[in-house]
Amino acid sequence: MTAGRITVYDPTADERVGQDNLAPRPTTLDGRVVGLIDNTKDRAEVILRQVEDQLRAQFPEAEFRYYRKQSVSGMGPQLGQKLTDEVDAVIAAVGD
């Protein structure tokens, strides 16, 4: 019987240095365009419709636009650029 070698990997990440700053928040959504992103999971659209209803009651002058990711795993660069160009704020829903 021959002795074998086992390689063990440490799955922990290096300690994070620094902190990302949050994007500036608008003082109101009135007069702004709000992007609502459906992540393709079940009931995400239902959640977004309820969020829109509640926000519309508070901010009647806001405009809401719906977007849908191609898959739950991530957002493609085209959608990211579209959001950057078209909306002032973004809300993402995770259904299920």
C-alpha atoms as a PDB file:
ATOM      1  CA  MET A   1       0.000   0.000   0.000  1.00  0.00           C
ATOM      2  CA  THR A   2       1.346   3.387  -1.007  1.00  0.00           C
ATOM      3  CA  ALA A   3       0.826   6.570   0.962  1.00  0.00           C
ATOM      4  CA  GLY A   4      -1.057   9.213  -1.048  1.00  0.00           C
ATOM      5  CA  ARG A   5      -1.123  12.954  -0.805  1.00  0.00           C
ATOM      6  CA  ILE A   6      -4.223  14.997  -0.039  1.00  0.00           C
ATOM      7  CA  THR A   7      -4.397  18.667  -0.898  1.00  0.00           C
ATOM      8  CA  VAL A   8      -6.601  20.740   1.395  1.00  0.00           C
ATOM      9  CA  TYR A   9      -7.783  24.188   0.312  1.00  0.00           C
ATOM     10  CA  ASP A  10      -8.804  26.959   2.690  1.00  0.00           C
ATOM     11  CA  PRO A  11     -12.122  28.381   1.359  1.00  0.00           C
ATOM     12  CA  THR A  12     -12.054  31.569   3.416  1.00  0.00           C
ATOM     13  CA  ALA A  13     -11.543  34.920   1.701  1.00  0.00           C
ATOM     14  CA  ASP A  14      -8.954  37.457   2.641  1.00  0.00           C
ATOM     15  CA  GLU A  15     -10.057  40.140   5.060  1.00  0.00           C
ATOM     16  CA  ARG A  16     -11.816  42.959   3.254  1.00  0.00           C
ATOM     17  CA  VAL A  17     -10.062  46.276   3.372  1.00  0.00           C
ATOM     18  CA  GLY A  18     -12.038  49.471   2.912  1.00  0.00           C
ATOM     19  CA  GLN A  19     -15.719  50.026   2.468  1.00  0.00           C
ATOM     20  CA  ASP A  20     -17.870  50.875  -0.529  1.00  0.00           C
ATOM     21  CA  ASN A  21     -19.963  53.995  -0.186  1.00  0.00           C
ATOM     22  CA  LEU A  22     -23.680  53.918  -0.825  1.00  0.00           C
ATOM     23  CA  ALA A  23     -24.971  55.784  -3.851  1.00  0.00           C
ATOM     24  CA  PRO A  24     -26.584  59.136  -3.054  1.00  0.00           C
ATOM     25  CA  ARG A  25     -30.276  58.807  -2.256  1.00  0.00           C
ATOM     26  CA  PRO A  26     -32.845  61.193  -3.744  1.00  0.00           C
ATOM     27  CA  THR A  27     -34.739  63.276  -1.190  1.00  0.00           C
ATOM     28  CA  THR A  28     -38.015  62.403  -2.952  1.00  0.00           C
ATOM     29  CA  LEU A  29     -39.195  60.068  -5.691  1.00  0.00           C
ATOM     30  CA  ASP A  30     -41.667  62.637  -7.063  1.00  0.00           C
ATOM     31  CA  GLY A  31     -40.532  63.657 -10.530  1.00  0.00           C
ATOM     32  CA  ARG A  32     -38.097  60.733 -10.638  1.00  0.00           C
ATOM     33  CA  VAL A  33     -38.043  57.524 -12.652  1.00  0.00           C
ATOM     34  CA  VAL A  34     -37.929  54.371 -10.542  1.00  0.00           C
ATOM     35  CA  GLY A  35     -36.776  51.115 -12.129  1.00  0.00           C
ATOM     36  CA  LEU A  36     -38.376  47.947 -10.778  1.00  0.00           C
ATOM     37  CA  ILE A  37     -36.317  44.839 -11.557  1.00  0.00           C
ATOM     38  CA  ASP A  38     -37.875  41.388 -11.739  1.00  0.00           C
ATOM     39  CA  ASN A  39     -35.231  38.741 -11.041  1.00  0.00           C
ATOM     40  CA  THR A  40     -37.256  36.002 -12.835  1.00  0.00           C
ATOM     41  CA  LYS A  41     -38.164  34.121  -9.654  1.00  0.00           C
ATOM     42  CA  ASP A  42     -41.755  33.159  -8.896  1.00  0.00           C
ATOM     43  CA  ARG A  43     -43.939  36.018  -7.672  1.00  0.00           C
ATOM     44  CA  ALA A  44     -41.283  38.729  -8.162  1.00  0.00           C
ATOM     45  CA  GLU A  45     -43.709  40.680 -10.350  1.00  0.00           C
ATOM     46  CA  VAL A  46     -46.406  40.429  -7.670  1.00  0.00           C
ATOM     47  CA  ILE A  47     -43.997  41.863  -5.105  1.00  0.00           C
ATOM     48  CA  LEU A  48     -42.969  44.688  -7.439  1.00  0.00           C
ATOM     49  CA  ARG A  49     -46.609  45.610  -8.180  1.00  0.00           C
ATOM     50  CA  GLN A  50     -47.270  45.901  -4.446  1.00  0.00           C
ATOM     51  CA  VAL A  51     -44.137  48.005  -3.953  1.00  0.00           C
ATOM     52  CA  GLU A  52     -45.220  50.263  -6.824  1.00  0.00           C
ATOM     53  CA  ASP A  53     -48.712  50.666  -5.332  1.00  0.00           C
ATOM     54  CA  GLN A  54     -47.297  51.680  -1.955  1.00  0.00           C
ATOM     55  CA  LEU A  55     -44.720  54.054  -3.428  1.00  0.00           C
ATOM     56  CA  ARG A  56     -47.222  55.597  -5.855  1.00  0.00           C
ATOM     57  CA  ALA A  57     -49.472  56.452  -2.878  1.00  0.00           C
ATOM     58  CA  GLN A  58     -46.557  58.322  -1.257  1.00  0.00           C
ATOM     59  CA  PHE A  59     -45.033  59.754  -4.455  1.00  0.00           C
ATOM     60  CA  PRO A  60     -47.811  60.364  -7.006  1.00  0.00           C
ATOM     61  CA  GLU A  61     -45.485  62.221  -9.389  1.00  0.00           C
ATOM     62  CA  ALA A  62     -43.014  59.320  -9.705  1.00  0.00           C
ATOM     63  CA  GLU A  63     -42.766  57.273 -12.882  1.00  0.00           C
ATOM     64  CA  PHE A  64     -42.271  53.508 -12.616  1.00  0.00           C
ATOM     65  CA  ARG A  65     -40.672  51.315 -15.268  1.00  0.00           C
ATOM     66  CA  TYR A  66     -40.398  47.539 -15.185  1.00  0.00           C
ATOM     67  CA  TYR A  67     -37.314  45.585 -16.221  1.00  0.00           C
ATOM     68  CA  ARG A  68     -36.646  41.847 -16.169  1.00  0.00           C
ATOM     69  CA  LYS A  69     -33.309  40.114 -15.822  1.00  0.00           C
ATOM     70  CA  GLN A  70     -32.595  37.281 -18.242  1.00  0.00           C
ATOM     71  CA  SER A  71     -31.904  34.921 -15.359  1.00  0.00           C
ATOM     72  CA  VAL A  72     -31.733  34.912 -11.607  1.00  0.00           C
ATOM     73  CA  SER A  73     -27.955  34.462 -11.651  1.00  0.00           C
ATOM     74  CA  GLY A  74     -27.002  37.987 -12.602  1.00  0.00           C
ATOM     75  CA  MET A  75     -27.656  41.134 -14.554  1.00  0.00           C
ATOM     76  CA  GLY A  76     -26.063  41.555 -17.947  1.00  0.00           C
ATOM     77  CA  PRO A  77     -24.114  44.686 -18.853  1.00  0.00           C
ATOM     78  CA  GLN A  78     -26.796  45.832 -21.316  1.00  0.00           C
ATOM     79  CA  LEU A  79     -29.461  45.958 -18.616  1.00  0.00           C
ATOM     80  CA  GLY A  80     -27.064  47.664 -16.219  1.00  0.00           C
ATOM     81  CA  GLN A  81     -26.340  50.362 -18.796  1.00  0.00           C
ATOM     82  CA  LYS A  82     -30.036  50.743 -19.615  1.00  0.00           C
ATOM     83  CA  LEU A  83     -30.822  51.309 -15.941  1.00  0.00           C
ATOM     84  CA  THR A  84     -27.980  53.801 -15.633  1.00  0.00           C
ATOM     85  CA  ASP A  85     -29.315  55.731 -18.624  1.00  0.00           C
ATOM     86  CA  GLU A  86     -33.053  55.580 -17.858  1.00  0.00           C
ATOM     87  CA  VAL A  87     -33.766  55.627 -14.117  1.00  0.00           C
ATOM     88  CA  ASP A  88     -32.977  57.635 -11.009  1.00  0.00           C
ATOM     89  CA  ALA A  89     -33.521  54.826  -8.496  1.00  0.00           C
ATOM     90  CA  VAL A  90     -33.748  51.028  -8.666  1.00  0.00           C
ATOM     91  CA  ILE A  91     -35.679  48.487  -6.627  1.00  0.00           C
ATOM     92  CA  ALA A  92     -35.056  44.776  -7.150  1.00  0.00           C
ATOM     93  CA  ALA A  93     -37.463  42.035  -6.105  1.00  0.00           C
ATOM     94  CA  VAL A  94     -36.495  38.534  -5.144  1.00  0.00           C
ATOM     95  CA  GLY A  95     -39.569  36.357  -5.494  1.00  0.00           C
ATOM     96  CA  ASP A  96     -40.499  32.922  -4.121  1.00  0.00           C
END
